[in-house]
């Protein structure tokens, strides 16, 4: 009878041999295998050491094999099979209606990386392109005195976000609205936003054409940013100042599209924030900068 650790190593070898792609919560075959095996065994995914020598029964092996086959044959991200993903250690419900949460803005919120740009008057926060609501939830957790609004064009995504807001019991502080970009965003309780965080669709057309199957399993609308990746961002930056308070800031994730971003907005004075993926993935813009340079 195999142990949990042996089963994970065997599963990792199968994932490697099948050539699956990672990047939706894990970056390698072992971590992905551990996620799938521990989920199938209904064990905590953050405490492998305590269960690594536990024997795996035959019926449990069958459950693991079924999940592993589904991962390999469907090429769906593991989160779609387990219906759970984690961001900064916080669990979120996930299904095919939303992209798997992985925004680098999450670590910036957790690390207080842009808190120096905020002050005691920061009360109204918008999570634009909220998807499953993870950044809205993390913002509400990080700043207990703020109200957060999550906006998305997709009604399906908002249904998932509603699940996560309720999961973390934040209904009194997080509201959700359907909006095409900023078109339906009017602030909260009659006040403009003091902070906007946004992880928009930004993948350029050439990159979209070469995405692995796991990424193509996600909603295209959440990824595809058009020819240069800036189709959503252009009108958003034009209209953002109108819904921002005087000293408000916008924190924007653009992934690997910095060259396209700077080509599209050559005069825009951006503050690039350091993340685990480098200093060219997330930027900060003040309202004053947007008014002056856009």
C-alpha atoms as a PDB file:
ATOM      1  CA  UNK A   1       0.000   0.000   0.000  1.00  0.00           C
ATOM      2  CA  UNK A   2       1.444   3.360  -1.044  1.00  0.00           C
ATOM      3  CA  UNK A   3       1.793   6.306   1.291  1.00  0.00           C
ATOM      4  CA  UNK A   4       0.493   9.796   0.559  1.00  0.00           C
ATOM      5  CA  UNK A   5       3.970  11.009  -0.378  1.00  0.00           C
ATOM      6  CA  UNK A   6       4.603   8.055  -2.671  1.00  0.00           C
ATOM      7  CA  UNK A   7       1.238   8.626  -4.334  1.00  0.00           C
ATOM      8  CA  UNK A   8       2.051  12.305  -4.872  1.00  0.00           C
ATOM      9  CA  UNK A   9       5.407  11.471  -6.426  1.00  0.00           C
ATOM     10  CA  UNK A  10       3.755   8.945  -8.757  1.00  0.00           C
ATOM     11  CA  UNK A  11       1.094  11.477  -9.725  1.00  0.00           C
ATOM     12  CA  UNK A  12       3.733  14.144 -10.352  1.00  0.00           C
ATOM     13  CA  UNK A  13       5.543  11.796 -12.704  1.00  0.00           C
ATOM     14  CA  UNK A  14       2.306  11.229 -14.637  1.00  0.00           C
ATOM     15  CA  UNK A  15       1.675  14.980 -14.922  1.00  0.00           C
ATOM     16  CA  UNK A  16       5.218  15.528 -16.157  1.00  0.00           C
ATOM     17  CA  UNK A  17       4.925  12.735 -18.707  1.00  0.00           C
ATOM     18  CA  UNK A  18       1.609  14.121 -19.961  1.00  0.00           C
ATOM     19  CA  UNK A  19       3.126  17.570 -20.500  1.00  0.00           C
ATOM     20  CA  UNK A  20       0.414  19.530 -18.693  1.00  0.00           C
ATOM     21  CA  UNK A  21       0.978  23.243 -18.101  1.00  0.00           C
ATOM     22  CA  UNK A  22       1.021  24.929 -14.708  1.00  0.00           C
ATOM     23  CA  UNK A  23       0.462  28.492 -13.523  1.00  0.00           C
ATOM     24  CA  UNK A  24      -2.998  28.343 -11.966  1.00  0.00           C
ATOM     25  CA  UNK A  25      -1.970  28.137  -8.343  1.00  0.00           C
ATOM     26  CA  UNK A  26       1.061  25.901  -8.759  1.00  0.00           C
ATOM     27  CA  UNK A  27       4.238  26.151 -10.806  1.00  0.00           C
ATOM     28  CA  UNK A  28       5.437  22.543 -10.895  1.00  0.00           C
ATOM     29  CA  UNK A  29       4.255  18.947 -11.135  1.00  0.00           C
ATOM     30  CA  UNK A  30       4.895  18.016  -7.502  1.00  0.00           C
ATOM     31  CA  UNK A  31       2.818  20.875  -6.068  1.00  0.00           C
ATOM     32  CA  UNK A  32       0.019  20.212  -8.560  1.00  0.00           C
ATOM     33  CA  UNK A  33       0.035  16.512  -7.714  1.00  0.00           C
ATOM     34  CA  UNK A  34      -0.016  17.286  -3.984  1.00  0.00           C
ATOM     35  CA  UNK A  35      -3.031  19.556  -4.501  1.00  0.00           C
ATOM     36  CA  UNK A  36      -4.961  16.879  -6.403  1.00  0.00           C
ATOM     37  CA  UNK A  37      -4.021  13.992  -4.112  1.00  0.00           C
ATOM     38  CA  UNK A  38      -4.743  15.833  -0.874  1.00  0.00           C
ATOM     39  CA  UNK A  39      -8.036  17.137  -2.270  1.00  0.00           C
ATOM     40  CA  UNK A  40      -9.103  13.626  -3.266  1.00  0.00           C
ATOM     41  CA  UNK A  41      -8.203  12.380   0.224  1.00  0.00           C
ATOM     42  CA  UNK A  42     -10.020  15.319   1.850  1.00  0.00           C
ATOM     43  CA  UNK A  43      -6.833  16.306   3.676  1.00  0.00           C
ATOM     44  CA  UNK A  44      -5.528  19.843   4.340  1.00  0.00           C
ATOM     45  CA  UNK A  45      -3.335  20.984   1.471  1.00  0.00           C
ATOM     46  CA  UNK A  46      -1.056  23.058   3.695  1.00  0.00           C
ATOM     47  CA  UNK A  47       0.204  20.314   6.008  1.00  0.00           C
ATOM     48  CA  UNK A  48       1.726  17.558   3.886  1.00  0.00           C
ATOM     49  CA  UNK A  49       4.411  16.780   6.474  1.00  0.00           C
ATOM     50  CA  UNK A  50       1.875  15.504   8.988  1.00  0.00           C
ATOM     51  CA  UNK A  51       0.189  13.094   6.548  1.00  0.00           C
ATOM     52  CA  UNK A  52       2.977  12.116   4.127  1.00  0.00           C
ATOM     53  CA  UNK A  53       3.384   8.630   5.644  1.00  0.00           C
ATOM     54  CA  UNK A  54      -0.339   7.918   5.860  1.00  0.00           C
ATOM     55  CA  UNK A  55      -1.290   4.837   3.804  1.00  0.00           C
ATOM     56  CA  UNK A  56      -3.622   5.290   0.838  1.00  0.00           C
ATOM     57  CA  UNK A  57      -6.375   2.690   0.595  1.00  0.00           C
ATOM     58  CA  UNK A  58      -7.476   1.115  -2.660  1.00  0.00           C
ATOM     59  CA  UNK A  59     -10.736   3.051  -2.922  1.00  0.00           C
ATOM     60  CA  UNK A  60      -8.806   6.262  -2.250  1.00  0.00           C
ATOM     61  CA  UNK A  61      -6.333   5.417  -4.994  1.00  0.00           C
ATOM     62  CA  UNK A  62      -9.256   5.067  -7.385  1.00  0.00           C
ATOM     63  CA  UNK A  63     -10.518   8.552  -6.484  1.00  0.00           C
ATOM     64  CA  UNK A  64      -7.074  10.004  -7.011  1.00  0.00           C
ATOM     65  CA  UNK A  65      -6.703   8.238 -10.357  1.00  0.00           C
ATOM     66  CA  UNK A  66     -10.054   9.606 -11.541  1.00  0.00           C
ATOM     67  CA  UNK A  67      -9.070  13.171 -10.648  1.00  0.00           C
ATOM     68  CA  UNK A  68      -5.641  12.799 -12.202  1.00  0.00           C
ATOM     69  CA  UNK A  69      -7.068  11.448 -15.453  1.00  0.00           C
ATOM     70  CA  UNK A  70      -9.524  14.349 -15.586  1.00  0.00           C
ATOM     71  CA  UNK A  71      -6.657  16.818 -15.146  1.00  0.00           C
ATOM     72  CA  UNK A  72      -4.573  15.238 -17.897  1.00  0.00           C
ATOM     73  CA  UNK A  73      -7.308  14.544 -20.433  1.00  0.00           C
ATOM     74  CA  UNK A  74      -9.341  17.747 -20.047  1.00  0.00           C
ATOM     75  CA  UNK A  75      -6.329  20.043 -19.587  1.00  0.00           C
ATOM     76  CA  UNK A  76      -8.524  22.081 -17.248  1.00  0.00           C
ATOM     77  CA  UNK A  77      -6.750  23.907 -14.411  1.00  0.00           C
ATOM     78  CA  UNK A  78      -6.850  21.894 -11.200  1.00  0.00           C
ATOM     79  CA  UNK A  79      -8.952  24.618  -9.564  1.00  0.00           C
ATOM     80  CA  UNK A  80     -11.815  23.834 -11.945  1.00  0.00           C
ATOM     81  CA  UNK A  81     -11.713  20.199 -10.841  1.00  0.00           C
ATOM     82  CA  UNK A  82     -11.444  20.896  -7.104  1.00  0.00           C
ATOM     83  CA  UNK A  83     -13.601  24.066  -7.189  1.00  0.00           C
ATOM     84  CA  UNK A  84     -11.165  25.764  -4.859  1.00  0.00           C
ATOM     85  CA  UNK A  85      -8.175  28.057  -5.243  1.00  0.00           C
ATOM     86  CA  UNK A  86      -6.040  30.007  -2.798  1.00  0.00           C
ATOM     87  CA  UNK A  87      -4.693  33.528  -2.950  1.00  0.00           C
ATOM     88  CA  UNK A  88      -2.419  34.683  -0.127  1.00  0.00           C
ATOM     89  CA  UNK A  89      -3.517  31.620   1.814  1.00  0.00           C
ATOM     90  CA  UNK A  90      -7.193  32.543   1.587  1.00  0.00           C
ATOM     91  CA  UNK A  91      -9.515  29.948  -0.009  1.00  0.00           C
ATOM     92  CA  UNK A  92     -11.920  30.890  -2.788  1.00  0.00           C
ATOM     93  CA  UNK A  93     -14.597  29.009  -4.690  1.00  0.00           C
ATOM     94  CA  UNK A  94     -13.782  28.701  -8.396  1.00  0.00           C
ATOM     95  CA  UNK A  95     -15.451  27.234 -11.477  1.00  0.00           C
ATOM     96  CA  UNK A  96     -15.328  27.696 -15.251  1.00  0.00           C
ATOM     97  CA  UNK A  97     -17.303  30.947 -15.096  1.00  0.00           C
ATOM     98  CA  UNK A  98     -14.198  32.827 -13.908  1.00  0.00           C
ATOM     99  CA  UNK A  99     -10.459  32.755 -14.433  1.00  0.00           C
ATOM    100  CA  UNK A 100      -8.475  31.074 -11.686  1.00  0.00           C
ATOM    101  CA  UNK A 101      -7.405  33.852  -9.262  1.00  0.00           C
ATOM    102  CA  UNK A 102      -3.673  34.576  -9.404  1.00  0.00           C
ATOM    103  CA  UNK A 103      -3.361  38.361  -9.461  1.00  0.00           C
ATOM    104  CA  UNK A 104      -0.072  39.795  -8.225  1.00  0.00           C
ATOM    105  CA  UNK A 105      -2.093  42.639  -6.728  1.00  0.00           C
ATOM    106  CA  UNK A 106      -3.060  40.178  -3.986  1.00  0.00           C
ATOM    107  CA  UNK A 107       0.488  40.024  -2.647  1.00  0.00           C
ATOM    108  CA  UNK A 108       0.780  43.823  -2.796  1.00  0.00           C
ATOM    109  CA  UNK A 109      -2.368  44.131  -0.688  1.00  0.00           C
ATOM    110  CA  UNK A 110      -1.093  41.553   1.800  1.00  0.00           C
ATOM    111  CA  UNK A 111       2.356  43.165   2.013  1.00  0.00           C
ATOM    112  CA  UNK A 112       0.951  46.697   2.383  1.00  0.00           C
ATOM    113  CA  UNK A 113       3.131  47.610  -0.602  1.00  0.00           C
ATOM    114  CA  UNK A 114       1.115  50.661  -1.574  1.00  0.00           C
ATOM    115  CA  UNK A 115      -0.345  51.606   1.805  1.00  0.00           C
ATOM    116  CA  UNK A 116       1.907  54.689   1.890  1.00  0.00           C
ATOM    117  CA  UNK A 117      -0.210  56.062  -0.960  1.00  0.00           C
ATOM    118  CA  UNK A 118      -3.346  55.702   1.170  1.00  0.00           C
ATOM    119  CA  UNK A 119      -4.411  57.607   4.266  1.00  0.00           C
ATOM    120  CA  UNK A 120      -7.137  57.733   6.903  1.00  0.00           C
ATOM    121  CA  UNK A 121      -9.567  59.156   4.341  1.00  0.00           C
ATOM    122  CA  UNK A 122      -9.355  56.006   2.190  1.00  0.00           C
ATOM    123  CA  UNK A 123     -12.805  54.515   2.572  1.00  0.00           C
ATOM    124  CA  UNK A 124     -14.134  53.555  -0.873  1.00  0.00           C
ATOM    125  CA  UNK A 125     -12.372  50.805  -2.849  1.00  0.00           C
ATOM    126  CA  UNK A 126     -13.261  49.451  -6.286  1.00  0.00           C
ATOM    127  CA  UNK A 127     -12.096  46.063  -7.544  1.00  0.00           C
ATOM    128  CA  UNK A 128     -12.629  46.429 -11.290  1.00  0.00           C
ATOM    129  CA  UNK A 129     -12.791  43.155 -13.255  1.00  0.00           C
ATOM    130  CA  UNK A 130     -13.428  41.415  -9.954  1.00  0.00           C
ATOM    131  CA  UNK A 131     -13.915  37.914 -11.407  1.00  0.00           C
ATOM    132  CA  UNK A 132     -14.472  35.560  -8.490  1.00  0.00           C
ATOM    133  CA  UNK A 133     -14.196  38.478  -6.058  1.00  0.00           C
ATOM    134  CA  UNK A 134     -10.852  37.480  -4.555  1.00  0.00           C
ATOM    135  CA  UNK A 135      -9.199  40.911  -4.633  1.00  0.00           C
ATOM    136  CA  UNK A 136     -12.347  42.502  -3.217  1.00  0.00           C
ATOM    137  CA  UNK A 137     -12.305  40.026  -0.344  1.00  0.00           C
ATOM    138  CA  UNK A 138      -8.588  40.493   0.311  1.00  0.00           C
ATOM    139  CA  UNK A 139      -8.991  44.276   0.280  1.00  0.00           C
ATOM    140  CA  UNK A 140     -11.829  44.093   2.794  1.00  0.00           C
ATOM    141  CA  UNK A 141      -9.711  41.850   4.998  1.00  0.00           C
ATOM    142  CA  UNK A 142      -6.651  44.095   4.769  1.00  0.00           C
ATOM    143  CA  UNK A 143      -8.483  47.366   5.467  1.00  0.00           C
ATOM    144  CA  UNK A 144     -11.286  46.773   7.992  1.00  0.00           C
ATOM    145  CA  UNK A 145     -12.564  50.348   7.731  1.00  0.00           C
ATOM    146  CA  UNK A 146     -13.213  50.413   3.986  1.00  0.00           C
ATOM    147  CA  UNK A 147     -16.206  49.602   1.837  1.00  0.00           C
ATOM    148  CA  UNK A 148     -15.427  47.621  -1.294  1.00  0.00           C
ATOM    149  CA  UNK A 149     -17.274  47.338  -4.569  1.00  0.00           C
ATOM    150  CA  UNK A 150     -16.539  44.560  -7.036  1.00  0.00           C
ATOM    151  CA  UNK A 151     -17.453  45.207 -10.668  1.00  0.00           C
ATOM    152  CA  UNK A 152     -17.415  42.901 -13.668  1.00  0.00           C
ATOM    153  CA  UNK A 153     -19.044  42.782 -17.097  1.00  0.00           C
ATOM    154  CA  UNK A 154     -19.896  39.109 -16.605  1.00  0.00           C
ATOM    155  CA  UNK A 155     -23.055  38.244 -14.676  1.00  0.00           C
ATOM    156  CA  UNK A 156     -21.712  34.693 -14.331  1.00  0.00           C
ATOM    157  CA  UNK A 157     -18.523  35.971 -12.721  1.00  0.00           C
ATOM    158  CA  UNK A 158     -20.533  38.082 -10.298  1.00  0.00           C
ATOM    159  CA  UNK A 159     -22.517  34.993  -9.273  1.00  0.00           C
ATOM    160  CA  UNK A 160     -19.220  33.337  -8.330  1.00  0.00           C
ATOM    161  CA  UNK A 161     -18.027  36.492  -6.558  1.00  0.00           C
ATOM    162  CA  UNK A 162     -21.240  36.488  -4.524  1.00  0.00           C
ATOM    163  CA  UNK A 163     -20.401  32.977  -3.309  1.00  0.00           C
ATOM    164  CA  UNK A 164     -16.993  34.130  -2.103  1.00  0.00           C
ATOM    165  CA  UNK A 165     -18.259  37.288  -0.447  1.00  0.00           C
ATOM    166  CA  UNK A 166     -20.717  35.152   1.506  1.00  0.00           C
ATOM    167  CA  UNK A 167     -18.057  32.491   2.185  1.00  0.00           C
ATOM    168  CA  UNK A 168     -15.995  35.088   4.019  1.00  0.00           C
ATOM    169  CA  UNK A 169     -19.027  36.812   5.584  1.00  0.00           C
ATOM    170  CA  UNK A 170     -18.291  40.191   4.058  1.00  0.00           C
ATOM    171  CA  UNK A 171     -21.736  41.000   2.627  1.00  0.00           C
ATOM    172  CA  UNK A 172     -22.009  44.105   4.802  1.00  0.00           C
ATOM    173  CA  UNK A 173     -18.825  45.619   3.355  1.00  0.00           C
ATOM    174  CA  UNK A 174     -18.626  44.311  -0.215  1.00  0.00           C
ATOM    175  CA  UNK A 175     -21.181  45.150  -2.886  1.00  0.00           C
ATOM    176  CA  UNK A 176     -21.161  43.736  -6.408  1.00  0.00           C
ATOM    177  CA  UNK A 177     -22.284  45.447  -9.624  1.00  0.00           C
ATOM    178  CA  UNK A 178     -22.345  44.531 -13.287  1.00  0.00           C
ATOM    179  CA  UNK A 179     -20.445  47.080 -15.332  1.00  0.00           C
ATOM    180  CA  UNK A 180     -18.856  47.328 -18.756  1.00  0.00           C
ATOM    181  CA  UNK A 181     -15.544  48.771 -17.656  1.00  0.00           C
ATOM    182  CA  UNK A 182     -16.298  51.812 -15.508  1.00  0.00           C
ATOM    183  CA  UNK A 183     -19.539  52.660 -17.307  1.00  0.00           C
ATOM    184  CA  UNK A 184     -21.845  51.682 -14.422  1.00  0.00           C
ATOM    185  CA  UNK A 185     -19.399  52.501 -11.602  1.00  0.00           C
ATOM    186  CA  UNK A 186     -20.514  55.576  -9.679  1.00  0.00           C
ATOM    187  CA  UNK A 187     -18.696  55.275  -6.385  1.00  0.00           C
ATOM    188  CA  UNK A 188     -20.076  53.985  -3.094  1.00  0.00           C
ATOM    189  CA  UNK A 189     -22.782  55.760  -1.129  1.00  0.00           C
ATOM    190  CA  UNK A 190     -22.422  58.812  -3.341  1.00  0.00           C
ATOM    191  CA  UNK A 191     -18.676  59.097  -2.788  1.00  0.00           C
ATOM    192  CA  UNK A 192     -15.982  58.527  -5.447  1.00  0.00           C
ATOM    193  CA  UNK A 193     -13.421  55.754  -5.116  1.00  0.00           C
ATOM    194  CA  UNK A 194     -10.256  56.399  -3.117  1.00  0.00           C
ATOM    195  CA  UNK A 195      -8.565  53.302  -4.529  1.00  0.00           C
ATOM    196  CA  UNK A 196      -9.167  51.275  -7.671  1.00  0.00           C
ATOM    197  CA  UNK A 197      -7.465  47.919  -8.147  1.00  0.00           C
ATOM    198  CA  UNK A 198      -7.774  46.300 -11.536  1.00  0.00           C
ATOM    199  CA  UNK A 199      -6.528  43.061 -13.060  1.00  0.00           C
ATOM    200  CA  UNK A 200      -8.060  43.474 -16.535  1.00  0.00           C
ATOM    201  CA  UNK A 201      -7.910  41.425 -19.725  1.00  0.00           C
ATOM    202  CA  UNK A 202      -4.468  42.369 -21.047  1.00  0.00           C
ATOM    203  CA  UNK A 203      -3.089  39.449 -23.072  1.00  0.00           C
ATOM    204  CA  UNK A 204      -2.143  40.583 -26.595  1.00  0.00           C
ATOM    205  CA  UNK A 205      -3.482  38.746 -29.647  1.00  0.00           C
ATOM    206  CA  UNK A 206      -0.205  37.034 -30.531  1.00  0.00           C
ATOM    207  CA  UNK A 207       0.130  35.654 -27.009  1.00  0.00           C
ATOM    208  CA  UNK A 208      -3.525  34.595 -26.925  1.00  0.00           C
ATOM    209  CA  UNK A 209      -2.898  32.429 -29.994  1.00  0.00           C
ATOM    210  CA  UNK A 210      -0.145  30.494 -28.235  1.00  0.00           C
ATOM    211  CA  UNK A 211      -1.650  30.018 -24.780  1.00  0.00           C
ATOM    212  CA  UNK A 212      -1.545  26.463 -23.369  1.00  0.00           C
ATOM    213  CA  UNK A 213      -4.832  24.572 -23.181  1.00  0.00           C
ATOM    214  CA  UNK A 214      -5.156  25.276 -19.457  1.00  0.00           C
ATOM    215  CA  UNK A 215      -5.406  29.004 -20.150  1.00  0.00           C
ATOM    216  CA  UNK A 216      -7.725  28.497 -23.107  1.00  0.00           C
ATOM    217  CA  UNK A 217     -10.078  26.697 -20.699  1.00  0.00           C
ATOM    218  CA  UNK A 218     -10.648  30.029 -18.942  1.00  0.00           C
ATOM    219  CA  UNK A 219     -13.179  32.655 -20.107  1.00  0.00           C
ATOM    220  CA  UNK A 220     -11.618  34.450 -23.083  1.00  0.00           C
ATOM    221  CA  UNK A 221     -13.253  37.730 -22.110  1.00  0.00           C
ATOM    222  CA  UNK A 222     -11.140  37.793 -18.938  1.00  0.00           C
ATOM    223  CA  UNK A 223      -7.845  37.401 -20.792  1.00  0.00           C
ATOM    224  CA  UNK A 224      -8.050  38.853 -24.313  1.00  0.00           C
ATOM    225  CA  UNK A 225      -6.835  42.451 -24.432  1.00  0.00           C
ATOM    226  CA  UNK A 226      -6.850  42.812 -28.213  1.00  0.00           C
ATOM    227  CA  UNK A 227      -3.973  43.328 -30.620  1.00  0.00           C
ATOM    228  CA  UNK A 228      -1.646  45.029 -28.127  1.00  0.00           C
ATOM    229  CA  UNK A 229      -3.431  43.991 -24.932  1.00  0.00           C
ATOM    230  CA  UNK A 230      -4.642  47.531 -24.239  1.00  0.00           C
ATOM    231  CA  UNK A 231      -8.236  47.426 -25.566  1.00  0.00           C
ATOM    232  CA  UNK A 232      -9.793  47.462 -22.086  1.00  0.00           C
ATOM    233  CA  UNK A 233      -7.159  49.680 -20.517  1.00  0.00           C
ATOM    234  CA  UNK A 234      -7.373  52.624 -22.955  1.00  0.00           C
ATOM    235  CA  UNK A 235     -10.988  53.651 -22.217  1.00  0.00           C
ATOM    236  CA  UNK A 236     -10.625  52.737 -18.554  1.00  0.00           C
ATOM    237  CA  UNK A 237      -7.744  55.172 -18.022  1.00  0.00           C
ATOM    238  CA  UNK A 238      -9.653  57.882 -19.897  1.00  0.00           C
ATOM    239  CA  UNK A 239     -12.719  57.609 -17.670  1.00  0.00           C
ATOM    240  CA  UNK A 240     -11.139  56.679 -14.322  1.00  0.00           C
ATOM    241  CA  UNK A 241     -10.465  60.231 -13.032  1.00  0.00           C
ATOM    242  CA  UNK A 242     -14.174  61.044 -13.136  1.00  0.00           C
ATOM    243  CA  UNK A 243     -14.925  58.392 -10.495  1.00  0.00           C
ATOM    244  CA  UNK A 244     -11.805  58.882  -8.349  1.00  0.00           C
ATOM    245  CA  UNK A 245     -11.479  61.137  -5.318  1.00  0.00           C
ATOM    246  CA  UNK A 246      -8.924  63.959  -5.373  1.00  0.00           C
ATOM    247  CA  UNK A 247      -6.020  61.916  -3.941  1.00  0.00           C
ATOM    248  CA  UNK A 248      -7.117  58.531  -5.257  1.00  0.00           C
ATOM    249  CA  UNK A 249      -4.795  55.980  -6.829  1.00  0.00           C
ATOM    250  CA  UNK A 250      -5.238  53.205  -9.386  1.00  0.00           C
ATOM    251  CA  UNK A 251      -3.261  49.964  -9.084  1.00  0.00           C
ATOM    252  CA  UNK A 252      -3.222  48.171 -12.431  1.00  0.00           C
ATOM    253  CA  UNK A 253      -1.852  44.769 -13.397  1.00  0.00           C
ATOM    254  CA  UNK A 254      -0.617  44.375 -16.973  1.00  0.00           C
ATOM    255  CA  UNK A 255       1.401  41.146 -16.791  1.00  0.00           C
ATOM    256  CA  UNK A 256       4.084  40.881 -19.458  1.00  0.00           C
ATOM    257  CA  UNK A 257       2.716  43.780 -21.504  1.00  0.00           C
ATOM    258  CA  UNK A 258       4.886  46.629 -20.206  1.00  0.00           C
ATOM    259  CA  UNK A 259       6.337  47.374 -23.650  1.00  0.00           C
ATOM    260  CA  UNK A 260       2.861  47.604 -25.157  1.00  0.00           C
ATOM    261  CA  UNK A 261       1.640  49.689 -22.215  1.00  0.00           C
ATOM    262  CA  UNK A 262       4.449  52.215 -22.553  1.00  0.00           C
ATOM    263  CA  UNK A 263       3.959  52.379 -26.311  1.00  0.00           C
ATOM    264  CA  UNK A 264       0.249  53.095 -25.807  1.00  0.00           C
ATOM    265  CA  UNK A 265       0.804  55.672 -23.049  1.00  0.00           C
ATOM    266  CA  UNK A 266       4.240  57.209 -23.707  1.00  0.00           C
ATOM    267  CA  UNK A 267       3.677  60.312 -21.548  1.00  0.00           C
ATOM    268  CA  UNK A 268       2.129  58.547 -18.577  1.00  0.00           C
ATOM    269  CA  UNK A 269       4.225  58.751 -15.409  1.00  0.00           C
ATOM    270  CA  UNK A 270       3.784  55.334 -13.793  1.00  0.00           C
ATOM    271  CA  UNK A 271       5.107  53.961 -10.509  1.00  0.00           C
ATOM    272  CA  UNK A 272       6.105  50.333 -11.023  1.00  0.00           C
ATOM    273  CA  UNK A 273       5.602  48.140  -7.972  1.00  0.00           C
ATOM    274  CA  UNK A 274       7.884  45.262  -7.056  1.00  0.00           C
ATOM    275  CA  UNK A 275       6.221  41.847  -7.008  1.00  0.00           C
ATOM    276  CA  UNK A 276       7.384  38.240  -6.877  1.00  0.00           C
ATOM    277  CA  UNK A 277       7.286  38.302 -10.695  1.00  0.00           C
ATOM    278  CA  UNK A 278       9.446  41.420 -11.003  1.00  0.00           C
ATOM    279  CA  UNK A 279       8.985  45.170 -11.245  1.00  0.00           C
ATOM    280  CA  UNK A 280       7.221  45.384 -14.606  1.00  0.00           C
ATOM    281  CA  UNK A 281       3.917  43.602 -13.941  1.00  0.00           C
ATOM    282  CA  UNK A 282       1.920  46.011 -11.765  1.00  0.00           C
ATOM    283  CA  UNK A 283       1.881  49.798 -11.813  1.00  0.00           C
ATOM    284  CA  UNK A 284       0.400  52.590  -9.745  1.00  0.00           C
ATOM    285  CA  UNK A 285      -1.172  55.757 -11.145  1.00  0.00           C
ATOM    286  CA  UNK A 286      -2.481  58.781  -9.268  1.00  0.00           C
ATOM    287  CA  UNK A 287      -5.567  60.667 -10.341  1.00  0.00           C
ATOM    288  CA  UNK A 288      -3.407  63.748 -10.854  1.00  0.00           C
ATOM    289  CA  UNK A 289      -1.157  61.806 -13.225  1.00  0.00           C
ATOM    290  CA  UNK A 290      -4.096  60.503 -15.229  1.00  0.00           C
ATOM    291  CA  UNK A 291      -5.614  63.953 -15.630  1.00  0.00           C
ATOM    292  CA  UNK A 292      -2.279  65.445 -16.686  1.00  0.00           C
ATOM    293  CA  UNK A 293      -0.889  62.713 -18.939  1.00  0.00           C
ATOM    294  CA  UNK A 294      -3.815  60.908 -20.578  1.00  0.00           C
END
